[in-house]
Amino acid sequence: MILQVFVDLMPFIIILMVTVFFFSMVNVVMDAGFDRGDYPKVQKFLVIFLQNFRLSLGDISALEYDNSWGKADASLRYYAIIIIWFFWVLNIFFMMIVLMNFLIAEVSQTYDKVKSDGKMLLYQKKAELNLLAFKIFKMFGKRSYFKVIVFTYPKDGDNGDEDGDGFSAKITNNMN
């Protein structure tokens, strides 16, 4: 079941890494970065990549941009800073809102799939127990054919399975 979760989350992980890489490249091209205090001996691109990944997890930190446009005119610096902050806000919005909702949808879908597979497995195991009981009865000469199929539920009637009555109704209709 855990393996199924990882298989289903592969598209999300790929999209997340591509997005983190994209926003890291934007920061490199615009000569913006993050504080290197957490990673003092790591290359600049890897620091930017890790910080963008941390942004995707909700660890919001502000960008740092040096004055590398010092020789450019003031309007170019102004527009460059606006572009840097626009992509930073876009990064936060896309990572936190869009990708987190995608993650929630993927996990919910996987949970539903595993839950429905669990019901099927439960009925399969109960049918195997019925077959085993039949073989034991046949071995002792008690039965040579099936008269009934027995599915057991807890004594208080609460089996935690809302579909139990519907399943038994389908079996009954098919047997008649």
N, C-alpha and C. Protein backbone atom coordinates (compact mmCIF):
# COMPACT_ATOMS: atom_id res chain seq x y z
N MET A 1 0.81 -1.18 0.00
CA MET A 1 0.00 0.00 0.00
C MET A 1 0.87 1.26 0.00
N ILE A 2 1.94 1.25 0.79
CA ILE A 2 2.84 2.40 0.82
C ILE A 2 3.50 2.59 -0.53
N LEU A 3 3.86 1.48 -1.17
CA LEU A 3 4.47 1.56 -2.50
C LEU A 3 3.51 2.21 -3.49
N GLN A 4 2.23 1.92 -3.37
CA GLN A 4 1.23 2.52 -4.25
C GLN A 4 1.19 4.04 -4.08
N VAL A 5 1.36 4.52 -2.86
CA VAL A 5 1.38 5.96 -2.61
C VAL A 5 2.57 6.60 -3.33
N PHE A 6 3.74 5.98 -3.23
CA PHE A 6 4.92 6.55 -3.89
C PHE A 6 4.78 6.52 -5.40
N VAL A 7 4.20 5.46 -5.94
CA VAL A 7 4.00 5.38 -7.39
C VAL A 7 3.04 6.46 -7.85
N ASP A 8 1.96 6.67 -7.09
CA ASP A 8 0.98 7.68 -7.47
C ASP A 8 1.51 9.10 -7.29
N LEU A 9 2.48 9.30 -6.41
CA LEU A 9 3.01 10.64 -6.18
C LEU A 9 4.17 11.02 -7.12
N MET A 10 4.62 10.09 -7.95
CA MET A 10 5.73 10.40 -8.86
C MET A 10 5.44 11.59 -9.79
N PRO A 11 4.25 11.71 -10.40
CA PRO A 11 4.00 12.91 -11.22
C PRO A 11 4.11 14.20 -10.41
N PHE A 12 3.60 14.18 -9.18
CA PHE A 12 3.71 15.37 -8.33
C PHE A 12 5.17 15.71 -8.03
N ILE A 13 5.95 14.71 -7.70
CA ILE A 13 7.36 14.94 -7.36
C ILE A 13 8.12 15.48 -8.57
N ILE A 14 7.82 14.95 -9.75
CA ILE A 14 8.48 15.44 -10.97
C ILE A 14 8.10 16.89 -11.23
N ILE A 15 6.81 17.21 -11.14
CA ILE A 15 6.36 18.59 -11.38
C ILE A 15 6.97 19.52 -10.34
N LEU A 16 7.04 19.09 -9.09
CA LEU A 16 7.63 19.91 -8.03
C LEU A 16 9.10 20.21 -8.32
N MET A 17 9.87 19.19 -8.68
CA MET A 17 11.30 19.40 -8.93
C MET A 17 11.53 20.28 -10.17
N VAL A 18 10.73 20.09 -11.20
CA VAL A 18 10.86 20.93 -12.41
C VAL A 18 10.54 22.38 -12.06
N THR A 19 9.51 22.59 -11.26
CA THR A 19 9.13 23.94 -10.88
C THR A 19 10.19 24.59 -10.00
N VAL A 20 10.71 23.84 -9.05
CA VAL A 20 11.79 24.38 -8.20
C VAL A 20 13.00 24.72 -9.06
N PHE A 21 13.34 23.87 -10.01
CA PHE A 21 14.47 24.14 -10.90
C PHE A 21 14.20 25.40 -11.74
N PHE A 22 12.97 25.54 -12.26
CA PHE A 22 12.63 26.71 -13.06
C PHE A 22 12.80 28.00 -12.27
N PHE A 23 12.23 28.06 -11.08
CA PHE A 23 12.34 29.27 -10.27
C PHE A 23 13.77 29.50 -9.79
N SER A 24 14.54 28.45 -9.62
CA SER A 24 15.96 28.61 -9.29
C SER A 24 16.71 29.24 -10.45
N MET A 25 16.40 28.80 -11.66
CA MET A 25 17.05 29.38 -12.84
C MET A 25 16.67 30.85 -13.03
N VAL A 26 15.42 31.18 -12.74
CA VAL A 26 15.01 32.59 -12.82
C VAL A 26 15.82 33.42 -11.84
N ASN A 27 16.02 32.92 -10.63
CA ASN A 27 16.82 33.65 -9.64
C ASN A 27 18.27 33.79 -10.08
N VAL A 28 18.81 32.76 -10.69
CA VAL A 28 20.20 32.83 -11.17
C VAL A 28 20.32 33.84 -12.30
N VAL A 29 19.40 33.79 -13.25
CA VAL A 29 19.45 34.72 -14.39
C VAL A 29 19.29 36.16 -13.93
N MET A 30 18.40 36.38 -12.96
CA MET A 30 18.17 37.75 -12.48
C MET A 30 19.18 38.16 -11.41
N ASP A 31 20.14 37.30 -11.14
CA ASP A 31 21.20 37.57 -10.17
C ASP A 31 20.62 37.86 -8.77
N ALA A 32 19.63 37.07 -8.42
CA ALA A 32 19.04 37.16 -7.08
C ALA A 32 19.38 35.89 -6.34
N GLY A 33 19.30 35.93 -5.05
CA GLY A 33 19.63 34.75 -4.27
C GLY A 33 19.04 34.82 -2.89
N PHE A 34 19.55 33.97 -2.03
CA PHE A 34 19.08 33.89 -0.66
C PHE A 34 20.29 33.99 0.26
N ASP A 35 20.02 34.20 1.53
CA ASP A 35 21.07 34.24 2.54
C ASP A 35 21.76 32.88 2.59
N ARG A 36 23.10 32.89 2.53
CA ARG A 36 23.86 31.65 2.53
C ARG A 36 24.22 31.18 3.93
N GLY A 37 23.59 31.76 4.94
CA GLY A 37 23.91 31.42 6.33
C GLY A 37 23.65 29.96 6.66
N ASP A 38 22.61 29.38 6.09
CA ASP A 38 22.30 27.97 6.37
C ASP A 38 23.23 27.03 5.62
N TYR A 39 23.77 27.48 4.50
CA TYR A 39 24.63 26.63 3.66
C TYR A 39 25.90 27.41 3.30
N PRO A 40 26.82 27.58 4.23
CA PRO A 40 27.98 28.43 3.96
C PRO A 40 28.97 27.86 2.94
N LYS A 41 29.07 26.54 2.81
CA LYS A 41 30.09 25.96 1.93
C LYS A 41 29.49 25.33 0.67
N VAL A 42 28.29 25.73 0.32
CA VAL A 42 27.60 25.15 -0.82
C VAL A 42 27.60 26.16 -1.96
N GLN A 43 27.64 25.64 -3.20
CA GLN A 43 27.63 26.52 -4.37
C GLN A 43 26.35 27.34 -4.42
N LYS A 44 26.45 28.49 -5.11
CA LYS A 44 25.35 29.44 -5.13
C LYS A 44 24.08 28.82 -5.73
N PHE A 45 24.19 28.09 -6.85
CA PHE A 45 22.98 27.53 -7.46
C PHE A 45 22.30 26.53 -6.54
N LEU A 46 23.08 25.69 -5.87
CA LEU A 46 22.50 24.71 -4.97
C LEU A 46 21.81 25.39 -3.78
N VAL A 47 22.39 26.50 -3.28
CA VAL A 47 21.74 27.26 -2.22
C VAL A 47 20.39 27.78 -2.70
N ILE A 48 20.37 28.34 -3.92
CA ILE A 48 19.12 28.87 -4.48
C ILE A 48 18.12 27.74 -4.67
N PHE A 49 18.57 26.59 -5.17
CA PHE A 49 17.67 25.46 -5.38
C PHE A 49 17.08 24.99 -4.05
N LEU A 50 17.92 24.83 -3.03
CA LEU A 50 17.44 24.38 -1.72
C LEU A 50 16.48 25.38 -1.09
N GLN A 51 16.78 26.67 -1.23
CA GLN A 51 15.89 27.69 -0.67
C GLN A 51 14.55 27.71 -1.41
N ASN A 52 14.56 27.51 -2.73
CA ASN A 52 13.30 27.43 -3.47
C ASN A 52 12.51 26.20 -3.06
N PHE A 53 13.19 25.11 -2.79
CA PHE A 53 12.51 23.92 -2.28
C PHE A 53 11.90 24.20 -0.91
N ARG A 54 12.64 24.90 -0.07
CA ARG A 54 12.11 25.27 1.25
C ARG A 54 10.92 26.21 1.11
N LEU A 55 10.95 27.09 0.12
CA LEU A 55 9.79 27.94 -0.14
C LEU A 55 8.56 27.10 -0.48
N SER A 56 8.77 26.02 -1.22
CA SER A 56 7.65 25.16 -1.60
C SER A 56 7.06 24.45 -0.39
N LEU A 57 7.84 24.30 0.67
CA LEU A 57 7.36 23.65 1.89
C LEU A 57 6.77 24.63 2.89
N GLY A 58 6.84 25.92 2.56
CA GLY A 58 6.25 26.93 3.44
C GLY A 58 7.24 27.69 4.28
N ASP A 59 8.52 27.42 4.13
CA ASP A 59 9.56 28.16 4.86
C ASP A 59 9.89 29.41 4.05
N ILE A 60 9.09 30.44 4.24
CA ILE A 60 9.20 31.63 3.39
C ILE A 60 10.35 32.50 3.88
N SER A 61 11.23 32.82 2.94
CA SER A 61 12.33 33.74 3.22
C SER A 61 12.46 34.70 2.05
N ALA A 62 12.91 35.89 2.36
CA ALA A 62 12.99 36.95 1.34
C ALA A 62 14.22 36.76 0.46
N LEU A 63 14.09 37.26 -0.74
CA LEU A 63 15.20 37.23 -1.68
C LEU A 63 16.24 38.29 -1.34
N GLU A 64 17.44 38.02 -1.74
CA GLU A 64 18.50 39.03 -1.68
C GLU A 64 18.99 39.27 -3.09
N TYR A 65 19.17 40.49 -3.43
CA TYR A 65 19.73 40.80 -4.74
C TYR A 65 20.79 41.85 -4.53
N ASP A 66 21.93 41.59 -5.13
CA ASP A 66 23.02 42.55 -4.98
C ASP A 66 22.84 43.67 -6.01
N ASN A 67 23.70 44.58 -5.93
CA ASN A 67 23.59 45.75 -6.80
C ASN A 67 24.41 45.53 -8.07
N SER A 68 24.22 44.38 -8.71
CA SER A 68 25.00 44.08 -9.91
C SER A 68 24.56 44.93 -11.09
N TRP A 69 23.42 45.56 -10.97
CA TRP A 69 22.98 46.45 -12.04
C TRP A 69 23.38 47.88 -11.73
N GLY A 70 24.38 48.06 -10.93
CA GLY A 70 24.82 49.39 -10.51
C GLY A 70 25.21 50.29 -11.67
N LYS A 71 25.76 49.70 -12.73
CA LYS A 71 26.18 50.51 -13.88
C LYS A 71 25.02 50.81 -14.81
N ALA A 72 23.93 50.08 -14.65
CA ALA A 72 22.75 50.32 -15.49
C ALA A 72 22.00 51.53 -14.97
N ASP A 73 21.15 52.06 -15.82
CA ASP A 73 20.38 53.23 -15.39
C ASP A 73 19.34 52.83 -14.35
N ALA A 74 18.78 53.79 -13.69
CA ALA A 74 17.87 53.56 -12.57
C ALA A 74 16.60 52.84 -13.00
N SER A 75 16.11 53.14 -14.19
CA SER A 75 14.86 52.50 -14.63
C SER A 75 15.08 51.00 -14.87
N LEU A 76 16.24 50.61 -15.39
CA LEU A 76 16.54 49.19 -15.59
C LEU A 76 16.61 48.45 -14.26
N ARG A 77 17.27 49.07 -13.28
CA ARG A 77 17.33 48.47 -11.94
C ARG A 77 15.95 48.35 -11.34
N TYR A 78 15.13 49.36 -11.51
CA TYR A 78 13.77 49.37 -10.98
C TYR A 78 12.96 48.21 -11.57
N TYR A 79 13.00 48.07 -12.89
CA TYR A 79 12.24 47.00 -13.54
C TYR A 79 12.81 45.62 -13.21
N ALA A 80 14.11 45.51 -13.06
CA ALA A 80 14.71 44.23 -12.69
C ALA A 80 14.25 43.80 -11.30
N ILE A 81 14.20 44.73 -10.37
CA ILE A 81 13.74 44.41 -9.01
C ILE A 81 12.27 44.03 -9.02
N ILE A 82 11.47 44.73 -9.83
CA ILE A 82 10.05 44.38 -9.95
C ILE A 82 9.91 42.97 -10.51
N ILE A 83 10.69 42.62 -11.52
CA ILE A 83 10.62 41.27 -12.11
C ILE A 83 11.04 40.21 -11.10
N ILE A 84 12.09 40.49 -10.33
CA ILE A 84 12.55 39.55 -9.31
C ILE A 84 11.43 39.28 -8.29
N TRP A 85 10.81 40.33 -7.78
CA TRP A 85 9.77 40.15 -6.79
C TRP A 85 8.49 39.55 -7.39
N PHE A 86 8.22 39.85 -8.66
CA PHE A 86 7.07 39.23 -9.33
C PHE A 86 7.26 37.72 -9.38
N PHE A 87 8.45 37.26 -9.78
CA PHE A 87 8.68 35.82 -9.84
C PHE A 87 8.73 35.19 -8.45
N TRP A 88 9.16 35.93 -7.45
CA TRP A 88 9.15 35.41 -6.09
C TRP A 88 7.71 35.19 -5.62
N VAL A 89 6.83 36.17 -5.87
CA VAL A 89 5.41 36.04 -5.48
C VAL A 89 4.76 34.92 -6.29
N LEU A 90 5.07 34.84 -7.58
CA LEU A 90 4.54 33.77 -8.41
C LEU A 90 5.00 32.40 -7.89
N ASN A 91 6.24 32.32 -7.48
CA ASN A 91 6.78 31.09 -6.90
C ASN A 91 6.00 30.70 -5.65
N ILE A 92 5.82 31.63 -4.75
CA ILE A 92 5.09 31.35 -3.51
C ILE A 92 3.66 30.91 -3.83
N PHE A 93 2.98 31.64 -4.71
CA PHE A 93 1.60 31.31 -5.05
C PHE A 93 1.51 29.93 -5.69
N PHE A 94 2.35 29.69 -6.69
CA PHE A 94 2.27 28.43 -7.42
C PHE A 94 2.62 27.25 -6.53
N MET A 95 3.69 27.39 -5.76
CA MET A 95 4.13 26.27 -4.91
C MET A 95 3.14 26.01 -3.78
N MET A 96 2.71 27.05 -3.10
CA MET A 96 1.88 26.85 -1.91
C MET A 96 0.43 26.54 -2.25
N ILE A 97 -0.12 27.21 -3.24
CA ILE A 97 -1.55 27.04 -3.53
C ILE A 97 -1.77 25.91 -4.53
N VAL A 98 -1.17 26.02 -5.69
CA VAL A 98 -1.45 25.08 -6.77
C VAL A 98 -0.87 23.70 -6.48
N LEU A 99 0.41 23.64 -6.18
CA LEU A 99 1.03 22.32 -5.98
C LEU A 99 0.56 21.63 -4.70
N MET A 100 0.29 22.37 -3.65
CA MET A 100 -0.21 21.72 -2.44
C MET A 100 -1.61 21.16 -2.66
N ASN A 101 -2.46 21.86 -3.42
CA ASN A 101 -3.78 21.32 -3.76
C ASN A 101 -3.65 20.08 -4.63
N PHE A 102 -2.70 20.10 -5.56
CA PHE A 102 -2.44 18.93 -6.39
C PHE A 102 -2.00 17.75 -5.53
N LEU A 103 -1.15 18.00 -4.56
CA LEU A 103 -0.70 16.96 -3.64
C LEU A 103 -1.86 16.39 -2.84
N ILE A 104 -2.72 17.24 -2.33
CA ILE A 104 -3.88 16.78 -1.57
C ILE A 104 -4.79 15.92 -2.44
N ALA A 105 -5.01 16.34 -3.68
CA ALA A 105 -5.85 15.58 -4.60
C ALA A 105 -5.24 14.21 -4.89
N GLU A 106 -3.94 14.16 -5.12
CA GLU A 106 -3.27 12.88 -5.39
C GLU A 106 -3.36 11.94 -4.20
N VAL A 107 -3.13 12.45 -3.00
CA VAL A 107 -3.18 11.61 -1.82
C VAL A 107 -4.60 11.12 -1.58
N SER A 108 -5.60 11.98 -1.78
CA SER A 108 -6.99 11.56 -1.61
C SER A 108 -7.37 10.48 -2.61
N GLN A 109 -6.93 10.63 -3.84
CA GLN A 109 -7.23 9.64 -4.87
C GLN A 109 -6.57 8.29 -4.53
N THR A 110 -5.35 8.33 -4.07
CA THR A 110 -4.65 7.11 -3.69
C THR A 110 -5.34 6.45 -2.49
N TYR A 111 -5.76 7.25 -1.54
CA TYR A 111 -6.47 6.71 -0.36
C TYR A 111 -7.75 6.00 -0.79
N ASP A 112 -8.52 6.63 -1.67
CA ASP A 112 -9.75 6.00 -2.15
C ASP A 112 -9.46 4.69 -2.88
N LYS A 113 -8.41 4.70 -3.68
CA LYS A 113 -8.05 3.48 -4.41
C LYS A 113 -7.64 2.36 -3.46
N VAL A 114 -6.83 2.69 -2.46
CA VAL A 114 -6.38 1.68 -1.50
C VAL A 114 -7.56 1.19 -0.66
N LYS A 115 -8.46 2.10 -0.31
CA LYS A 115 -9.64 1.70 0.49
C LYS A 115 -10.54 0.76 -0.30
N SER A 116 -10.76 1.04 -1.58
CA SER A 116 -11.61 0.16 -2.38
C SER A 116 -10.91 -1.18 -2.63
N ASP A 117 -9.59 -1.16 -2.83
CA ASP A 117 -8.85 -2.42 -2.96
C ASP A 117 -8.91 -3.23 -1.67
N GLY A 118 -8.97 -2.55 -0.53
CA GLY A 118 -9.06 -3.23 0.75
C GLY A 118 -10.38 -3.96 0.90
N LYS A 119 -11.47 -3.35 0.43
CA LYS A 119 -12.78 -4.03 0.48
C LYS A 119 -12.75 -5.29 -0.38
N MET A 120 -12.19 -5.16 -1.56
CA MET A 120 -12.12 -6.31 -2.45
C MET A 120 -11.27 -7.42 -1.82
N LEU A 121 -10.15 -7.06 -1.22
CA LEU A 121 -9.29 -8.04 -0.57
C LEU A 121 -10.01 -8.70 0.61
N LEU A 122 -10.78 -7.92 1.35
CA LEU A 122 -11.54 -8.48 2.47
C LEU A 122 -12.52 -9.54 1.98
N TYR A 123 -13.29 -9.24 0.94
CA TYR A 123 -14.25 -10.23 0.43
C TYR A 123 -13.53 -11.44 -0.18
N GLN A 124 -12.39 -11.22 -0.79
CA GLN A 124 -11.63 -12.33 -1.36
C GLN A 124 -11.16 -13.26 -0.25
N LYS A 125 -10.66 -12.71 0.83
CA LYS A 125 -10.19 -13.55 1.95
C LYS A 125 -11.35 -14.29 2.61
N LYS A 126 -12.50 -13.63 2.71
CA LYS A 126 -13.67 -14.32 3.28
C LYS A 126 -14.10 -15.47 2.37
N ALA A 127 -14.05 -15.28 1.07
CA ALA A 127 -14.41 -16.36 0.15
C ALA A 127 -13.41 -17.51 0.25
N GLU A 128 -12.12 -17.20 0.44
CA GLU A 128 -11.12 -18.25 0.62
C GLU A 128 -11.39 -19.04 1.90
N LEU A 129 -11.81 -18.35 2.96
CA LEU A 129 -12.16 -19.05 4.20
C LEU A 129 -13.37 -19.96 3.99
N ASN A 130 -14.35 -19.50 3.22
CA ASN A 130 -15.51 -20.34 2.92
C ASN A 130 -15.09 -21.59 2.15
N LEU A 131 -14.20 -21.42 1.18
CA LEU A 131 -13.72 -22.57 0.41
C LEU A 131 -12.96 -23.53 1.31
N LEU A 132 -12.15 -23.01 2.19
CA LEU A 132 -11.40 -23.85 3.12
C LEU A 132 -12.36 -24.62 4.04
N ALA A 133 -13.38 -23.94 4.54
CA ALA A 133 -14.36 -24.61 5.39
C ALA A 133 -15.07 -25.72 4.62
N PHE A 134 -15.42 -25.45 3.36
CA PHE A 134 -16.06 -26.48 2.53
C PHE A 134 -15.15 -27.69 2.36
N LYS A 135 -13.86 -27.45 2.10
CA LYS A 135 -12.93 -28.56 1.92
C LYS A 135 -12.79 -29.39 3.19
N ILE A 136 -12.78 -28.71 4.33
CA ILE A 136 -12.69 -29.44 5.60
C ILE A 136 -13.94 -30.28 5.83
N PHE A 137 -15.11 -29.67 5.60
CA PHE A 137 -16.37 -30.43 5.75
C PHE A 137 -16.41 -31.60 4.78
N LYS A 138 -15.96 -31.40 3.56
CA LYS A 138 -15.97 -32.46 2.56
C LYS A 138 -15.03 -33.60 2.97
N MET A 139 -13.89 -33.24 3.55
CA MET A 139 -12.92 -34.22 3.97
C MET A 139 -13.51 -35.13 5.06
N PHE A 140 -14.32 -34.57 5.94
CA PHE A 140 -14.95 -35.36 6.99
C PHE A 140 -16.28 -35.94 6.55
N GLY A 141 -16.65 -35.77 5.30
CA GLY A 141 -17.86 -36.36 4.77
C GLY A 141 -19.13 -35.65 5.17
N LYS A 142 -19.02 -34.43 5.67
CA LYS A 142 -20.20 -33.70 6.12
C LYS A 142 -20.95 -33.05 4.97
N ARG A 143 -20.24 -32.51 3.97
CA ARG A 143 -20.88 -31.79 2.87
C ARG A 143 -20.20 -32.18 1.55
N SER A 144 -20.99 -32.25 0.50
CA SER A 144 -20.41 -32.48 -0.82
C SER A 144 -20.69 -31.31 -1.76
N TYR A 145 -21.43 -30.33 -1.28
CA TYR A 145 -21.73 -29.15 -2.09
C TYR A 145 -21.95 -27.97 -1.14
N PHE A 146 -21.89 -26.76 -1.70
CA PHE A 146 -22.16 -25.54 -0.93
C PHE A 146 -23.65 -25.34 -0.80
N LYS A 147 -24.11 -25.09 0.39
CA LYS A 147 -25.50 -24.71 0.60
C LYS A 147 -25.60 -23.19 0.81
N VAL A 148 -24.63 -22.66 1.53
CA VAL A 148 -24.65 -21.23 1.86
C VAL A 148 -23.24 -20.68 1.75
N ILE A 149 -23.18 -19.39 1.58
CA ILE A 149 -21.91 -18.66 1.66
C ILE A 149 -22.00 -17.79 2.90
N VAL A 150 -21.00 -17.85 3.74
CA VAL A 150 -21.04 -17.12 5.01
C VAL A 150 -19.99 -16.03 4.99
N PHE A 151 -20.43 -14.80 5.24
CA PHE A 151 -19.54 -13.68 5.47
C PHE A 151 -19.77 -13.23 6.90
N THR A 152 -18.74 -13.19 7.69
CA THR A 152 -18.90 -12.85 9.09
C THR A 152 -18.66 -11.38 9.32
N TYR A 153 -19.39 -10.84 10.28
CA TYR A 153 -19.24 -9.45 10.71
C TYR A 153 -19.19 -9.44 12.22
N PRO A 154 -18.73 -8.36 12.81
CA PRO A 154 -18.71 -8.29 14.28
C PRO A 154 -20.10 -8.46 14.87
N LYS A 155 -20.15 -8.90 16.11
CA LYS A 155 -21.41 -9.25 16.75
C LYS A 155 -22.35 -8.06 16.89
N ASP A 156 -21.80 -6.86 17.13
CA ASP A 156 -22.66 -5.69 17.33
C ASP A 156 -23.25 -5.15 16.02
N GLY A 157 -22.87 -5.74 14.91
CA GLY A 157 -23.44 -5.32 13.62
C GLY A 157 -22.70 -4.17 12.98
N ASP A 158 -21.79 -3.53 13.69
CA ASP A 158 -21.03 -2.42 13.12
C ASP A 158 -19.76 -2.98 12.53
N ASN A 159 -19.76 -3.14 11.22
CA ASN A 159 -18.59 -3.72 10.57
C ASN A 159 -17.69 -2.67 9.96
N GLY A 160 -18.08 -1.41 10.06
CA GLY A 160 -17.26 -0.35 9.48
C GLY A 160 -17.31 -0.33 7.98
N ASP A 161 -18.19 -1.11 7.39
CA ASP A 161 -18.28 -1.22 5.94
C ASP A 161 -19.69 -0.83 5.52
N GLU A 162 -19.83 0.32 4.93
CA GLU A 162 -21.14 0.80 4.52
C GLU A 162 -21.69 -0.02 3.37
N ASP A 163 -20.82 -0.70 2.63
CA ASP A 163 -21.24 -1.42 1.43
C ASP A 163 -21.62 -2.86 1.74
N GLY A 164 -21.55 -3.30 2.98
CA GLY A 164 -21.82 -4.69 3.32
C GLY A 164 -23.20 -5.14 2.92
N ASP A 165 -24.23 -4.34 3.22
CA ASP A 165 -25.59 -4.72 2.86
C ASP A 165 -25.77 -4.75 1.36
N GLY A 166 -25.18 -3.79 0.67
CA GLY A 166 -25.28 -3.77 -0.80
C GLY A 166 -24.60 -4.98 -1.42
N PHE A 167 -23.49 -5.39 -0.85
CA PHE A 167 -22.77 -6.55 -1.37
C PHE A 167 -23.58 -7.82 -1.19
N SER A 168 -24.15 -7.99 0.01
CA SER A 168 -24.94 -9.20 0.25
C SER A 168 -26.19 -9.22 -0.61
N ALA A 169 -26.78 -8.06 -0.89
CA ALA A 169 -27.96 -8.01 -1.76
C ALA A 169 -27.59 -8.44 -3.18
N LYS A 170 -26.44 -8.02 -3.65
CA LYS A 170 -25.99 -8.42 -4.99
C LYS A 170 -25.75 -9.93 -5.07
N ILE A 171 -25.14 -10.49 -4.03
CA ILE A 171 -24.89 -11.94 -4.00
C ILE A 171 -26.23 -12.68 -4.00
N THR A 172 -27.17 -12.22 -3.17
CA THR A 172 -28.47 -12.89 -3.09
C THR A 172 -29.19 -12.84 -4.43
N ASN A 173 -29.17 -11.68 -5.09
CA ASN A 173 -29.83 -11.56 -6.39
C ASN A 173 -29.19 -12.47 -7.45
N ASN A 174 -27.89 -12.60 -7.41
CA ASN A 174 -27.20 -13.45 -8.38
C ASN A 174 -27.43 -14.93 -8.12
N MET A 175 -27.68 -15.29 -6.87
CA MET A 175 -27.88 -16.70 -6.54
C MET A 175 -29.31 -17.15 -6.89
N ASN A 176 -30.26 -16.25 -6.85
CA ASN A 176 -31.66 -16.61 -7.12
C ASN A 176 -31.96 -16.66 -8.58
